[in-house]
Amino acid sequence: MKQNTDRISIQVGLSGYSFKIESAAASYSSEWMSADKVLATYEFQRRYGEVEISVLTPEFTLAPAGFCDKESAAGMLSEVAEVHDEDAVETVDVPEYGAVLIYSPLSAGDLAQVISETVLLSDGTKSRPHPEIYYMLRSLPSLEEHNKILASYADGVLYLAVAQGSNLMLCNSFKAQDFTTAEYFIFMVMKRLQLNPEVSTITFRTPLDAEQEMSLYRYFSKVDHI
């Protein structure tokens, strides 16, 4: 039997989702789609060799692996985010940076669950959703530039991860009610890290519309997508 090598990557937020498909026949990305279209999405009706489900949740913190007590993860997360006693708190290793990501998976939880039960692997099993920032951190080392700037933006939140070479410089989320505010936080981070946007590439994982992309090109030498 021929092995299924098709891959789908899905990003899920409060307002909807987007997806990217990589196959031998074609590779393409969707725009941001509203949640009511999920069951009618043709691409979700088939199985894949690899399924990646990313939940855009801003409730996270990163801790060094050697100093992270997973039993006290909720307490560590509550230091940087609002966490209630009934909230689920989970952890996942980020070996690229010798760290553990602590997060609450509640954001977009219902939609993420529907998608995880609909989009299945070749053997019929489900993939476990992880936070968007997890996939950003895993993708960061693969960016070719020495100054690696990776971002996602959805539902009024900017997610940003920055590295210089193999050194992680920043991993954070910022409330930004519009894209102009998101750009403000991007430039604030660039200034603090003494990075020049005129000679830098910024890479986005979430879809950008034409206006957003043109706005970024006013400041950055290149705007890329993964």
N, C-alpha and C. Protein backbone atom coordinates (compact mmCIF):
# COMPACT_ATOMS: atom_id res chain seq x y z
N MET A 1 0.84 -1.20 0.00
CA MET A 1 0.00 0.00 0.00
C MET A 1 0.88 1.25 0.00
N LYS A 2 0.53 2.19 -0.86
CA LYS A 2 1.29 3.43 -0.95
C LYS A 2 1.09 4.27 0.30
N GLN A 3 2.20 4.76 0.87
CA GLN A 3 2.12 5.56 2.08
C GLN A 3 1.54 6.93 1.79
N ASN A 4 0.64 7.37 2.66
CA ASN A 4 0.03 8.69 2.53
C ASN A 4 1.00 9.73 3.09
N THR A 5 1.56 10.56 2.22
CA THR A 5 2.50 11.59 2.65
C THR A 5 1.88 12.98 2.67
N ASP A 6 0.60 13.08 2.38
CA ASP A 6 -0.08 14.38 2.41
C ASP A 6 -0.11 14.92 3.83
N ARG A 7 0.06 16.23 3.94
CA ARG A 7 0.13 16.87 5.25
C ARG A 7 -0.81 18.06 5.30
N ILE A 8 -1.52 18.21 6.41
CA ILE A 8 -2.37 19.38 6.60
C ILE A 8 -2.03 20.04 7.93
N SER A 9 -1.91 21.35 7.90
CA SER A 9 -1.66 22.14 9.09
C SER A 9 -2.83 23.09 9.27
N ILE A 10 -3.48 23.05 10.42
CA ILE A 10 -4.69 23.83 10.67
C ILE A 10 -4.47 24.73 11.87
N GLN A 11 -4.80 26.01 11.70
CA GLN A 11 -4.74 26.98 12.79
C GLN A 11 -6.16 27.33 13.20
N VAL A 12 -6.44 27.24 14.50
CA VAL A 12 -7.80 27.43 15.00
C VAL A 12 -7.83 28.56 16.02
N GLY A 13 -8.72 29.53 15.81
CA GLY A 13 -8.91 30.63 16.74
C GLY A 13 -10.35 30.74 17.17
N LEU A 14 -10.67 31.78 17.91
CA LEU A 14 -12.04 31.99 18.38
C LEU A 14 -12.98 32.29 17.22
N SER A 15 -12.48 33.00 16.20
CA SER A 15 -13.34 33.44 15.10
C SER A 15 -13.35 32.48 13.91
N GLY A 16 -12.50 31.48 13.91
CA GLY A 16 -12.48 30.57 12.77
C GLY A 16 -11.17 29.83 12.64
N TYR A 17 -10.76 29.58 11.41
CA TYR A 17 -9.59 28.74 11.17
C TYR A 17 -9.01 29.01 9.79
N SER A 18 -7.80 28.53 9.59
CA SER A 18 -7.17 28.51 8.28
C SER A 18 -6.41 27.20 8.17
N PHE A 19 -6.01 26.83 6.96
CA PHE A 19 -5.26 25.58 6.82
C PHE A 19 -4.28 25.68 5.67
N LYS A 20 -3.26 24.82 5.74
CA LYS A 20 -2.26 24.68 4.69
C LYS A 20 -2.15 23.21 4.35
N ILE A 21 -2.07 22.89 3.07
CA ILE A 21 -1.96 21.50 2.63
C ILE A 21 -0.69 21.35 1.80
N GLU A 22 0.07 20.30 2.09
CA GLU A 22 1.25 19.96 1.32
C GLU A 22 1.10 18.52 0.83
N SER A 23 1.14 18.36 -0.49
CA SER A 23 1.02 17.02 -1.08
C SER A 23 1.87 16.96 -2.33
N ALA A 24 2.01 15.75 -2.87
CA ALA A 24 2.78 15.59 -4.10
C ALA A 24 2.12 16.31 -5.26
N ALA A 25 0.80 16.40 -5.22
CA ALA A 25 0.06 17.01 -6.32
C ALA A 25 0.07 18.53 -6.26
N ALA A 26 -0.06 19.09 -5.07
CA ALA A 26 -0.15 20.55 -4.93
C ALA A 26 0.05 20.95 -3.47
N SER A 27 0.45 22.19 -3.29
CA SER A 27 0.56 22.78 -1.96
C SER A 27 -0.12 24.14 -1.99
N TYR A 28 -1.00 24.37 -1.04
CA TYR A 28 -1.72 25.65 -1.03
C TYR A 28 -2.23 25.96 0.37
N SER A 29 -2.59 27.23 0.56
CA SER A 29 -3.09 27.71 1.85
C SER A 29 -4.45 28.35 1.66
N SER A 30 -5.26 28.30 2.70
CA SER A 30 -6.57 28.94 2.67
C SER A 30 -6.49 30.33 3.27
N GLU A 31 -7.53 31.11 3.08
CA GLU A 31 -7.70 32.35 3.82
C GLU A 31 -8.28 32.01 5.19
N TRP A 32 -8.44 33.02 6.05
CA TRP A 32 -9.10 32.81 7.33
C TRP A 32 -10.58 32.56 7.08
N MET A 33 -11.12 31.46 7.63
CA MET A 33 -12.49 31.04 7.35
C MET A 33 -13.30 31.04 8.64
N SER A 34 -14.58 31.36 8.54
CA SER A 34 -15.44 31.42 9.72
C SER A 34 -15.77 30.01 10.20
N ALA A 35 -16.05 29.91 11.51
CA ALA A 35 -16.25 28.61 12.13
C ALA A 35 -17.43 27.84 11.54
N ASP A 36 -18.44 28.53 11.01
CA ASP A 36 -19.62 27.85 10.49
C ASP A 36 -19.34 27.06 9.20
N LYS A 37 -18.15 27.22 8.62
CA LYS A 37 -17.81 26.53 7.38
C LYS A 37 -17.05 25.23 7.62
N VAL A 38 -16.79 24.92 8.89
CA VAL A 38 -15.86 23.82 9.18
C VAL A 38 -16.36 22.48 8.64
N LEU A 39 -17.63 22.18 8.80
CA LEU A 39 -18.14 20.88 8.36
C LEU A 39 -18.32 20.80 6.85
N ALA A 40 -18.30 21.94 6.18
CA ALA A 40 -18.45 21.96 4.73
C ALA A 40 -17.11 22.10 4.01
N THR A 41 -16.01 22.14 4.76
CA THR A 41 -14.69 22.27 4.14
C THR A 41 -14.28 20.95 3.52
N TYR A 42 -14.16 20.95 2.20
CA TYR A 42 -13.87 19.71 1.47
C TYR A 42 -12.56 19.08 1.96
N GLU A 43 -11.57 19.89 2.20
CA GLU A 43 -10.25 19.37 2.58
C GLU A 43 -10.28 18.64 3.93
N PHE A 44 -11.31 18.85 4.73
CA PHE A 44 -11.40 18.19 6.03
C PHE A 44 -12.07 16.82 5.93
N GLN A 45 -12.53 16.45 4.75
CA GLN A 45 -13.28 15.20 4.60
C GLN A 45 -12.40 14.01 4.21
N ARG A 46 -11.10 14.21 4.16
CA ARG A 46 -10.19 13.13 3.80
C ARG A 46 -9.15 12.95 4.88
N ARG A 47 -8.36 11.91 4.75
CA ARG A 47 -7.33 11.61 5.76
C ARG A 47 -5.94 11.98 5.25
N TYR A 48 -5.03 12.19 6.21
CA TYR A 48 -3.70 12.69 5.88
C TYR A 48 -2.63 11.86 6.60
N GLY A 49 -1.44 11.87 6.00
CA GLY A 49 -0.31 11.21 6.64
C GLY A 49 0.16 11.94 7.88
N GLU A 50 -0.06 13.26 7.88
CA GLU A 50 0.32 14.08 9.03
C GLU A 50 -0.73 15.17 9.22
N VAL A 51 -1.20 15.33 10.46
CA VAL A 51 -2.19 16.37 10.78
C VAL A 51 -1.65 17.20 11.93
N GLU A 52 -1.54 18.50 11.71
CA GLU A 52 -1.07 19.43 12.74
C GLU A 52 -2.21 20.40 13.05
N ILE A 53 -2.64 20.44 14.30
CA ILE A 53 -3.72 21.33 14.71
C ILE A 53 -3.18 22.31 15.74
N SER A 54 -3.22 23.57 15.38
CA SER A 54 -2.66 24.63 16.21
C SER A 54 -3.78 25.49 16.77
N VAL A 55 -3.79 25.68 18.09
CA VAL A 55 -4.81 26.51 18.74
C VAL A 55 -4.18 27.84 19.14
N LEU A 56 -4.79 28.92 18.68
CA LEU A 56 -4.27 30.25 18.97
C LEU A 56 -4.71 30.66 20.37
N THR A 57 -3.91 30.27 21.36
CA THR A 57 -4.20 30.60 22.75
C THR A 57 -3.08 31.46 23.32
N PRO A 58 -3.39 32.61 23.91
CA PRO A 58 -2.36 33.48 24.47
C PRO A 58 -1.97 33.10 25.90
N GLU A 59 -2.64 32.11 26.49
CA GLU A 59 -2.35 31.72 27.87
C GLU A 59 -1.23 30.70 27.89
N PHE A 60 0.03 31.19 27.92
CA PHE A 60 1.16 30.26 27.92
C PHE A 60 2.36 30.93 28.59
N THR A 61 3.30 30.10 28.98
CA THR A 61 4.60 30.57 29.46
C THR A 61 5.63 29.52 29.12
N LEU A 62 6.86 29.93 28.98
CA LEU A 62 7.95 29.03 28.63
C LEU A 62 8.91 28.96 29.80
N ALA A 63 9.28 27.73 30.18
CA ALA A 63 10.18 27.54 31.32
C ALA A 63 11.33 26.63 30.91
N PRO A 64 12.53 26.87 31.46
CA PRO A 64 13.65 25.96 31.17
C PRO A 64 13.31 24.55 31.62
N ALA A 65 13.68 23.56 30.81
CA ALA A 65 13.31 22.18 31.10
C ALA A 65 13.86 21.73 32.45
N GLY A 66 15.04 22.16 32.80
CA GLY A 66 15.64 21.72 34.05
C GLY A 66 15.05 22.35 35.29
N PHE A 67 14.24 23.40 35.12
CA PHE A 67 13.66 24.10 36.27
C PHE A 67 12.14 23.99 36.31
N CYS A 68 11.57 23.21 35.40
CA CYS A 68 10.11 23.12 35.31
C CYS A 68 9.59 21.92 36.07
N ASP A 69 8.80 22.18 37.08
CA ASP A 69 8.11 21.13 37.82
C ASP A 69 6.70 21.03 37.24
N LYS A 70 6.47 20.00 36.46
CA LYS A 70 5.21 19.89 35.76
C LYS A 70 4.02 19.76 36.71
N GLU A 71 4.27 19.31 37.93
CA GLU A 71 3.18 19.20 38.90
C GLU A 71 2.71 20.57 39.37
N SER A 72 3.58 21.57 39.26
CA SER A 72 3.20 22.92 39.68
C SER A 72 3.00 23.83 38.47
N ALA A 73 2.70 23.22 37.33
CA ALA A 73 2.57 23.98 36.08
C ALA A 73 1.49 25.05 36.18
N ALA A 74 0.37 24.73 36.82
CA ALA A 74 -0.72 25.70 36.92
C ALA A 74 -0.27 26.94 37.68
N GLY A 75 0.50 26.75 38.73
CA GLY A 75 1.00 27.88 39.50
C GLY A 75 1.96 28.74 38.69
N MET A 76 2.79 28.08 37.89
CA MET A 76 3.73 28.82 37.06
C MET A 76 3.00 29.63 35.99
N LEU A 77 1.96 29.04 35.40
CA LEU A 77 1.20 29.74 34.38
C LEU A 77 0.42 30.91 34.98
N SER A 78 -0.08 30.75 36.21
CA SER A 78 -0.87 31.80 36.84
C SER A 78 -0.05 33.05 37.13
N GLU A 79 1.27 32.94 37.10
CA GLU A 79 2.12 34.10 37.32
C GLU A 79 2.10 35.06 36.14
N VAL A 80 1.72 34.56 34.96
CA VAL A 80 1.73 35.41 33.76
C VAL A 80 0.38 35.48 33.05
N ALA A 81 -0.57 34.65 33.47
CA ALA A 81 -1.88 34.62 32.81
C ALA A 81 -2.96 34.35 33.85
N GLU A 82 -4.18 34.73 33.52
CA GLU A 82 -5.30 34.49 34.42
C GLU A 82 -5.75 33.03 34.29
N VAL A 83 -5.55 32.27 35.35
CA VAL A 83 -5.88 30.85 35.34
C VAL A 83 -6.81 30.56 36.52
N HIS A 84 -7.95 29.94 36.23
CA HIS A 84 -8.89 29.56 37.27
C HIS A 84 -8.68 28.11 37.69
N ASP A 85 -9.17 27.77 38.86
CA ASP A 85 -8.95 26.43 39.39
C ASP A 85 -9.47 25.35 38.46
N GLU A 86 -10.57 25.65 37.74
CA GLU A 86 -11.18 24.63 36.88
C GLU A 86 -10.53 24.57 35.49
N ASP A 87 -9.61 25.49 35.19
CA ASP A 87 -8.98 25.52 33.88
C ASP A 87 -7.97 24.38 33.73
N ALA A 88 -7.99 23.76 32.58
CA ALA A 88 -6.99 22.73 32.29
C ALA A 88 -5.66 23.39 31.98
N VAL A 89 -4.60 22.83 32.50
CA VAL A 89 -3.25 23.31 32.23
C VAL A 89 -2.41 22.13 31.75
N GLU A 90 -1.76 22.30 30.61
CA GLU A 90 -1.00 21.21 30.02
C GLU A 90 0.42 21.67 29.72
N THR A 91 1.29 20.71 29.44
CA THR A 91 2.68 21.03 29.11
C THR A 91 3.10 20.23 27.88
N VAL A 92 4.08 20.78 27.17
CA VAL A 92 4.67 20.08 26.03
C VAL A 92 6.13 20.52 25.92
N ASP A 93 7.00 19.58 25.66
CA ASP A 93 8.43 19.88 25.56
C ASP A 93 8.74 20.61 24.26
N VAL A 94 9.67 21.54 24.35
CA VAL A 94 10.19 22.25 23.17
C VAL A 94 11.69 21.98 23.15
N PRO A 95 12.12 20.83 22.60
CA PRO A 95 13.54 20.44 22.68
C PRO A 95 14.47 21.39 21.94
N GLU A 96 13.97 22.11 20.93
CA GLU A 96 14.82 23.04 20.19
C GLU A 96 15.46 24.09 21.09
N TYR A 97 14.76 24.42 22.17
CA TYR A 97 15.27 25.46 23.08
C TYR A 97 15.41 24.95 24.51
N GLY A 98 15.42 23.64 24.70
CA GLY A 98 15.61 23.08 26.03
C GLY A 98 14.59 23.59 27.02
N ALA A 99 13.33 23.69 26.58
CA ALA A 99 12.30 24.32 27.40
C ALA A 99 11.03 23.49 27.44
N VAL A 100 10.15 23.89 28.34
CA VAL A 100 8.83 23.29 28.45
C VAL A 100 7.80 24.40 28.29
N LEU A 101 6.84 24.19 27.42
CA LEU A 101 5.77 25.16 27.22
C LEU A 101 4.59 24.77 28.11
N ILE A 102 4.16 25.71 28.95
CA ILE A 102 3.01 25.50 29.83
C ILE A 102 1.87 26.34 29.29
N TYR A 103 0.68 25.74 29.15
CA TYR A 103 -0.39 26.47 28.49
C TYR A 103 -1.77 25.98 28.94
N SER A 104 -2.75 26.82 28.69
CA SER A 104 -4.14 26.46 28.88
C SER A 104 -4.78 26.30 27.50
N PRO A 105 -5.39 25.17 27.20
CA PRO A 105 -5.93 24.91 25.86
C PRO A 105 -7.36 25.38 25.68
N LEU A 106 -7.87 26.22 26.58
CA LEU A 106 -9.30 26.56 26.53
C LEU A 106 -9.67 27.41 25.32
N SER A 107 -8.81 28.31 24.87
CA SER A 107 -9.14 29.17 23.75
C SER A 107 -9.47 28.33 22.52
N ALA A 108 -10.62 28.63 21.89
CA ALA A 108 -11.07 27.92 20.70
C ALA A 108 -11.22 26.42 20.94
N GLY A 109 -11.46 26.04 22.20
CA GLY A 109 -11.48 24.62 22.55
C GLY A 109 -12.53 23.83 21.81
N ASP A 110 -13.75 24.33 21.70
CA ASP A 110 -14.83 23.58 21.05
C ASP A 110 -14.53 23.38 19.57
N LEU A 111 -14.13 24.43 18.88
CA LEU A 111 -13.83 24.33 17.45
C LEU A 111 -12.63 23.42 17.22
N ALA A 112 -11.63 23.54 18.05
CA ALA A 112 -10.45 22.69 17.92
C ALA A 112 -10.82 21.22 18.10
N GLN A 113 -11.74 20.94 19.03
CA GLN A 113 -12.16 19.56 19.25
C GLN A 113 -12.91 19.02 18.04
N VAL A 114 -13.80 19.85 17.47
CA VAL A 114 -14.54 19.42 16.28
C VAL A 114 -13.57 19.10 15.14
N ILE A 115 -12.58 19.95 14.95
CA ILE A 115 -11.62 19.73 13.86
C ILE A 115 -10.78 18.49 14.13
N SER A 116 -10.35 18.29 15.37
CA SER A 116 -9.52 17.13 15.68
C SER A 116 -10.29 15.82 15.50
N GLU A 117 -11.60 15.87 15.65
CA GLU A 117 -12.42 14.67 15.47
C GLU A 117 -12.85 14.48 14.02
N THR A 118 -12.65 15.52 13.20
CA THR A 118 -13.06 15.46 11.79
C THR A 118 -11.89 15.15 10.87
N VAL A 119 -10.76 15.81 11.10
CA VAL A 119 -9.59 15.64 10.25
C VAL A 119 -8.69 14.57 10.88
N LEU A 120 -8.66 13.40 10.25
CA LEU A 120 -8.00 12.25 10.86
C LEU A 120 -6.75 11.84 10.10
N LEU A 121 -5.88 11.13 10.81
CA LEU A 121 -4.70 10.54 10.21
C LEU A 121 -5.10 9.33 9.35
N SER A 122 -4.15 8.84 8.58
CA SER A 122 -4.43 7.74 7.66
C SER A 122 -5.00 6.52 8.35
N ASP A 123 -4.57 6.27 9.59
CA ASP A 123 -5.04 5.09 10.31
C ASP A 123 -6.32 5.35 11.10
N GLY A 124 -6.90 6.55 10.94
CA GLY A 124 -8.16 6.86 11.61
C GLY A 124 -8.02 7.47 12.98
N THR A 125 -6.79 7.67 13.46
CA THR A 125 -6.59 8.26 14.78
C THR A 125 -6.61 9.79 14.70
N LYS A 126 -6.77 10.41 15.87
CA LYS A 126 -6.83 11.86 15.96
C LYS A 126 -5.47 12.43 16.35
N SER A 127 -5.23 13.68 15.94
CA SER A 127 -4.03 14.39 16.35
C SER A 127 -4.36 15.29 17.53
N ARG A 128 -3.41 15.41 18.44
CA ARG A 128 -3.60 16.26 19.61
C ARG A 128 -3.30 17.71 19.26
N PRO A 129 -4.24 18.62 19.50
CA PRO A 129 -3.96 20.04 19.25
C PRO A 129 -2.88 20.57 20.21
N HIS A 130 -2.08 21.50 19.72
CA HIS A 130 -1.08 22.18 20.52
C HIS A 130 -1.20 23.68 20.27
N PRO A 131 -0.64 24.50 21.16
CA PRO A 131 -0.73 25.95 20.98
C PRO A 131 0.02 26.42 19.73
N GLU A 132 -0.45 27.51 19.15
CA GLU A 132 0.24 28.11 18.01
C GLU A 132 1.69 28.42 18.34
N ILE A 133 1.95 28.94 19.54
CA ILE A 133 3.31 29.32 19.89
C ILE A 133 4.24 28.10 19.91
N TYR A 134 3.70 26.92 20.19
CA TYR A 134 4.51 25.69 20.16
C TYR A 134 5.04 25.45 18.75
N TYR A 135 4.16 25.53 17.77
CA TYR A 135 4.59 25.31 16.39
C TYR A 135 5.49 26.44 15.90
N MET A 136 5.28 27.64 16.41
CA MET A 136 6.17 28.73 16.06
C MET A 136 7.58 28.45 16.56
N LEU A 137 7.70 28.01 17.79
CA LEU A 137 9.01 27.71 18.36
C LEU A 137 9.68 26.54 17.65
N ARG A 138 8.89 25.55 17.26
CA ARG A 138 9.45 24.41 16.54
C ARG A 138 9.92 24.81 15.14
N SER A 139 9.25 25.82 14.54
CA SER A 139 9.58 26.25 13.18
C SER A 139 10.72 27.27 13.13
N LEU A 140 10.92 27.98 14.23
CA LEU A 140 11.88 29.09 14.25
C LEU A 140 13.28 28.70 13.77
N PRO A 141 13.85 27.57 14.23
CA PRO A 141 15.22 27.23 13.80
C PRO A 141 15.34 26.99 12.30
N SER A 142 14.24 26.66 11.62
CA SER A 142 14.30 26.36 10.18
C SER A 142 14.35 27.61 9.32
N LEU A 143 14.09 28.79 9.89
CA LEU A 143 14.19 30.03 9.12
C LEU A 143 15.65 30.29 8.77
N GLU A 144 15.90 30.69 7.55
CA GLU A 144 17.28 30.78 7.05
C GLU A 144 18.04 31.97 7.61
N GLU A 145 17.38 33.07 7.90
CA GLU A 145 18.06 34.27 8.34
C GLU A 145 18.68 34.11 9.73
N HIS A 146 19.74 34.85 10.00
CA HIS A 146 20.33 34.84 11.35
C HIS A 146 19.35 35.44 12.35
N ASN A 147 18.73 36.57 11.98
CA ASN A 147 17.68 37.16 12.81
C ASN A 147 16.34 36.57 12.37
N LYS A 148 15.80 35.72 13.20
CA LYS A 148 14.59 34.98 12.85
C LYS A 148 13.39 35.63 13.55
N ILE A 149 12.43 36.12 12.75
CA ILE A 149 11.27 36.83 13.28
C ILE A 149 10.02 36.13 12.76
N LEU A 150 9.28 35.49 13.64
CA LEU A 150 8.12 34.70 13.25
C LEU A 150 6.90 35.19 14.01
N ALA A 151 5.80 35.40 13.29
CA ALA A 151 4.60 35.99 13.90
C ALA A 151 3.34 35.29 13.42
N SER A 152 2.29 35.42 14.22
CA SER A 152 0.93 35.02 13.85
C SER A 152 0.00 36.08 14.44
N TYR A 153 -1.12 36.30 13.76
CA TYR A 153 -2.07 37.30 14.25
C TYR A 153 -3.49 36.84 13.96
N ALA A 154 -4.32 36.81 15.01
CA ALA A 154 -5.73 36.43 14.87
C ALA A 154 -6.48 36.83 16.13
N ASP A 155 -7.75 37.16 15.97
CA ASP A 155 -8.64 37.43 17.10
C ASP A 155 -8.09 38.48 18.05
N GLY A 156 -7.43 39.50 17.51
CA GLY A 156 -6.93 40.59 18.34
C GLY A 156 -5.74 40.24 19.19
N VAL A 157 -4.97 39.23 18.80
CA VAL A 157 -3.77 38.85 19.54
C VAL A 157 -2.63 38.62 18.55
N LEU A 158 -1.48 39.23 18.83
CA LEU A 158 -0.25 39.00 18.08
C LEU A 158 0.60 37.99 18.84
N TYR A 159 1.09 36.99 18.13
CA TYR A 159 2.02 36.01 18.69
C TYR A 159 3.36 36.24 18.01
N LEU A 160 4.42 36.34 18.80
CA LEU A 160 5.71 36.72 18.24
C LEU A 160 6.83 35.90 18.88
N ALA A 161 7.69 35.34 18.04
CA ALA A 161 8.87 34.61 18.50
C ALA A 161 10.07 35.12 17.71
N VAL A 162 11.15 35.44 18.41
CA VAL A 162 12.34 36.01 17.77
C VAL A 162 13.57 35.27 18.27
N ALA A 163 14.45 34.93 17.34
CA ALA A 163 15.72 34.29 17.70
C ALA A 163 16.84 34.91 16.90
N GLN A 164 18.04 34.90 17.48
CA GLN A 164 19.25 35.28 16.76
C GLN A 164 20.13 34.05 16.72
N GLY A 165 20.29 33.51 15.53
CA GLY A 165 20.99 32.24 15.42
C GLY A 165 20.21 31.17 16.17
N SER A 166 20.88 30.50 17.10
CA SER A 166 20.22 29.46 17.89
C SER A 166 19.71 29.96 19.23
N ASN A 167 19.85 31.26 19.49
CA ASN A 167 19.45 31.83 20.77
C ASN A 167 18.04 32.43 20.68
N LEU A 168 17.14 31.94 21.51
CA LEU A 168 15.80 32.48 21.57
C LEU A 168 15.82 33.80 22.33
N MET A 169 15.35 34.87 21.69
CA MET A 169 15.37 36.19 22.29
C MET A 169 14.03 36.59 22.89
N LEU A 170 12.94 36.12 22.29
CA LEU A 170 11.61 36.52 22.76
C LEU A 170 10.57 35.50 22.33
N CYS A 171 9.61 35.28 23.21
CA CYS A 171 8.47 34.40 22.93
C CYS A 171 7.31 34.96 23.74
N ASN A 172 6.34 35.62 23.06
CA ASN A 172 5.30 36.32 23.81
C ASN A 172 4.06 36.52 22.94
N SER A 173 2.98 36.95 23.60
CA SER A 173 1.76 37.35 22.89
C SER A 173 1.37 38.75 23.37
N PHE A 174 0.70 39.48 22.49
CA PHE A 174 0.32 40.87 22.77
C PHE A 174 -1.12 41.09 22.32
N LYS A 175 -1.92 41.72 23.18
CA LYS A 175 -3.27 42.07 22.78
C LYS A 175 -3.20 43.24 21.80
N ALA A 176 -3.76 43.05 20.62
CA ALA A 176 -3.72 44.07 19.57
C ALA A 176 -5.05 44.05 18.83
N GLN A 177 -5.90 45.04 19.12
CA GLN A 177 -7.26 45.01 18.60
C GLN A 177 -7.31 45.16 17.08
N ASP A 178 -6.24 45.68 16.47
CA ASP A 178 -6.19 45.78 15.02
C ASP A 178 -4.75 45.55 14.57
N PHE A 179 -4.58 45.44 13.24
CA PHE A 179 -3.26 45.09 12.73
C PHE A 179 -2.26 46.23 12.92
N THR A 180 -2.72 47.46 12.91
CA THR A 180 -1.83 48.59 13.17
C THR A 180 -1.21 48.48 14.55
N THR A 181 -2.01 48.08 15.54
CA THR A 181 -1.49 47.89 16.89
C THR A 181 -0.52 46.72 16.93
N ALA A 182 -0.83 45.66 16.18
CA ALA A 182 0.08 44.52 16.10
C ALA A 182 1.44 44.97 15.55
N GLU A 183 1.42 45.82 14.54
CA GLU A 183 2.67 46.33 13.98
C GLU A 183 3.43 47.16 15.02
N TYR A 184 2.71 47.91 15.83
CA TYR A 184 3.36 48.70 16.89
C TYR A 184 4.16 47.78 17.80
N PHE A 185 3.57 46.65 18.21
CA PHE A 185 4.28 45.73 19.11
C PHE A 185 5.47 45.09 18.39
N ILE A 186 5.30 44.78 17.11
CA ILE A 186 6.42 44.21 16.35
C ILE A 186 7.60 45.18 16.35
N PHE A 187 7.34 46.45 16.06
CA PHE A 187 8.41 47.43 15.99
C PHE A 187 8.99 47.73 17.37
N MET A 188 8.16 47.67 18.41
CA MET A 188 8.65 47.85 19.77
C MET A 188 9.66 46.76 20.11
N VAL A 189 9.33 45.52 19.76
CA VAL A 189 10.23 44.40 20.02
C VAL A 189 11.51 44.54 19.20
N MET A 190 11.36 44.92 17.93
CA MET A 190 12.53 45.11 17.08
C MET A 190 13.48 46.14 17.68
N LYS A 191 12.92 47.23 18.19
CA LYS A 191 13.75 48.30 18.76
C LYS A 191 14.46 47.82 20.02
N ARG A 192 13.72 47.10 20.88
CA ARG A 192 14.32 46.63 22.13
C ARG A 192 15.43 45.62 21.87
N LEU A 193 15.28 44.82 20.83
CA LEU A 193 16.29 43.81 20.51
C LEU A 193 17.34 44.34 19.54
N GLN A 194 17.21 45.63 19.20
CA GLN A 194 18.15 46.31 18.31
C GLN A 194 18.26 45.60 16.96
N LEU A 195 17.09 45.29 16.39
CA LEU A 195 17.02 44.68 15.07
C LEU A 195 16.49 45.71 14.07
N ASN A 196 17.09 45.75 12.92
CA ASN A 196 16.70 46.72 11.89
C ASN A 196 15.72 46.07 10.92
N PRO A 197 14.46 46.51 10.89
CA PRO A 197 13.49 45.90 9.97
C PRO A 197 13.86 46.08 8.50
N GLU A 198 14.60 47.13 8.17
CA GLU A 198 14.94 47.40 6.77
C GLU A 198 15.84 46.34 6.17
N VAL A 199 16.50 45.56 7.01
CA VAL A 199 17.36 44.49 6.51
C VAL A 199 16.90 43.13 7.05
N SER A 200 15.64 43.06 7.48
CA SER A 200 15.12 41.85 8.12
C SER A 200 13.92 41.28 7.36
N THR A 201 13.74 40.00 7.49
CA THR A 201 12.56 39.32 6.97
C THR A 201 11.63 39.00 8.12
N ILE A 202 10.35 39.30 7.97
CA ILE A 202 9.37 38.85 8.96
C ILE A 202 8.53 37.75 8.31
N THR A 203 8.34 36.67 9.02
CA THR A 203 7.61 35.51 8.50
C THR A 203 6.35 35.32 9.31
N PHE A 204 5.22 35.11 8.62
CA PHE A 204 3.94 34.87 9.27
C PHE A 204 3.48 33.44 9.02
N ARG A 205 2.84 32.87 10.04
CA ARG A 205 2.19 31.57 9.90
C ARG A 205 0.70 31.73 9.58
N THR A 206 0.07 32.76 10.09
CA THR A 206 -1.34 33.00 9.80
C THR A 206 -1.46 33.77 8.48
N PRO A 207 -2.63 33.70 7.81
CA PRO A 207 -2.80 34.41 6.55
C PRO A 207 -2.76 35.92 6.74
N LEU A 208 -2.20 36.60 5.75
CA LEU A 208 -2.21 38.06 5.70
C LEU A 208 -3.02 38.49 4.49
N ASP A 209 -3.86 39.53 4.65
CA ASP A 209 -4.52 40.04 3.47
C ASP A 209 -3.57 41.01 2.76
N ALA A 210 -3.95 41.44 1.56
CA ALA A 210 -3.07 42.26 0.74
C ALA A 210 -2.67 43.56 1.44
N GLU A 211 -3.63 44.18 2.14
CA GLU A 211 -3.34 45.44 2.82
C GLU A 211 -2.34 45.25 3.95
N GLN A 212 -2.49 44.18 4.72
CA GLN A 212 -1.57 43.90 5.82
C GLN A 212 -0.16 43.63 5.28
N GLU A 213 -0.07 42.85 4.21
CA GLU A 213 1.24 42.53 3.65
C GLU A 213 1.93 43.77 3.09
N MET A 214 1.18 44.61 2.39
CA MET A 214 1.77 45.83 1.84
C MET A 214 2.23 46.77 2.95
N SER A 215 1.48 46.80 4.06
CA SER A 215 1.88 47.64 5.19
C SER A 215 3.21 47.18 5.76
N LEU A 216 3.40 45.87 5.89
CA LEU A 216 4.66 45.35 6.42
C LEU A 216 5.81 45.61 5.46
N TYR A 217 5.55 45.57 4.17
CA TYR A 217 6.61 45.81 3.18
C TYR A 217 7.12 47.26 3.21
N ARG A 218 6.38 48.14 3.84
CA ARG A 218 6.84 49.52 3.99
C ARG A 218 8.04 49.59 4.94
N TYR A 219 8.18 48.58 5.79
CA TYR A 219 9.21 48.62 6.83
C TYR A 219 10.24 47.49 6.70
N PHE A 220 9.79 46.30 6.29
CA PHE A 220 10.66 45.13 6.23
C PHE A 220 11.17 44.90 4.81
N SER A 221 12.37 44.34 4.71
CA SER A 221 12.92 44.05 3.40
C SER A 221 12.17 42.92 2.71
N LYS A 222 11.58 42.01 3.52
CA LYS A 222 10.85 40.88 2.94
C LYS A 222 9.78 40.42 3.91
N VAL A 223 8.63 40.01 3.38
CA VAL A 223 7.55 39.42 4.16
C VAL A 223 7.33 38.02 3.62
N ASP A 224 7.48 37.02 4.47
CA ASP A 224 7.40 35.62 4.03
C ASP A 224 6.26 34.92 4.76
N HIS A 225 5.93 33.70 4.28
CA HIS A 225 4.87 32.88 4.88
C HIS A 225 5.34 31.43 4.98
N ILE A 226 4.97 30.77 6.04
CA ILE A 226 5.21 29.33 6.15
C ILE A 226 3.94 28.64 6.60
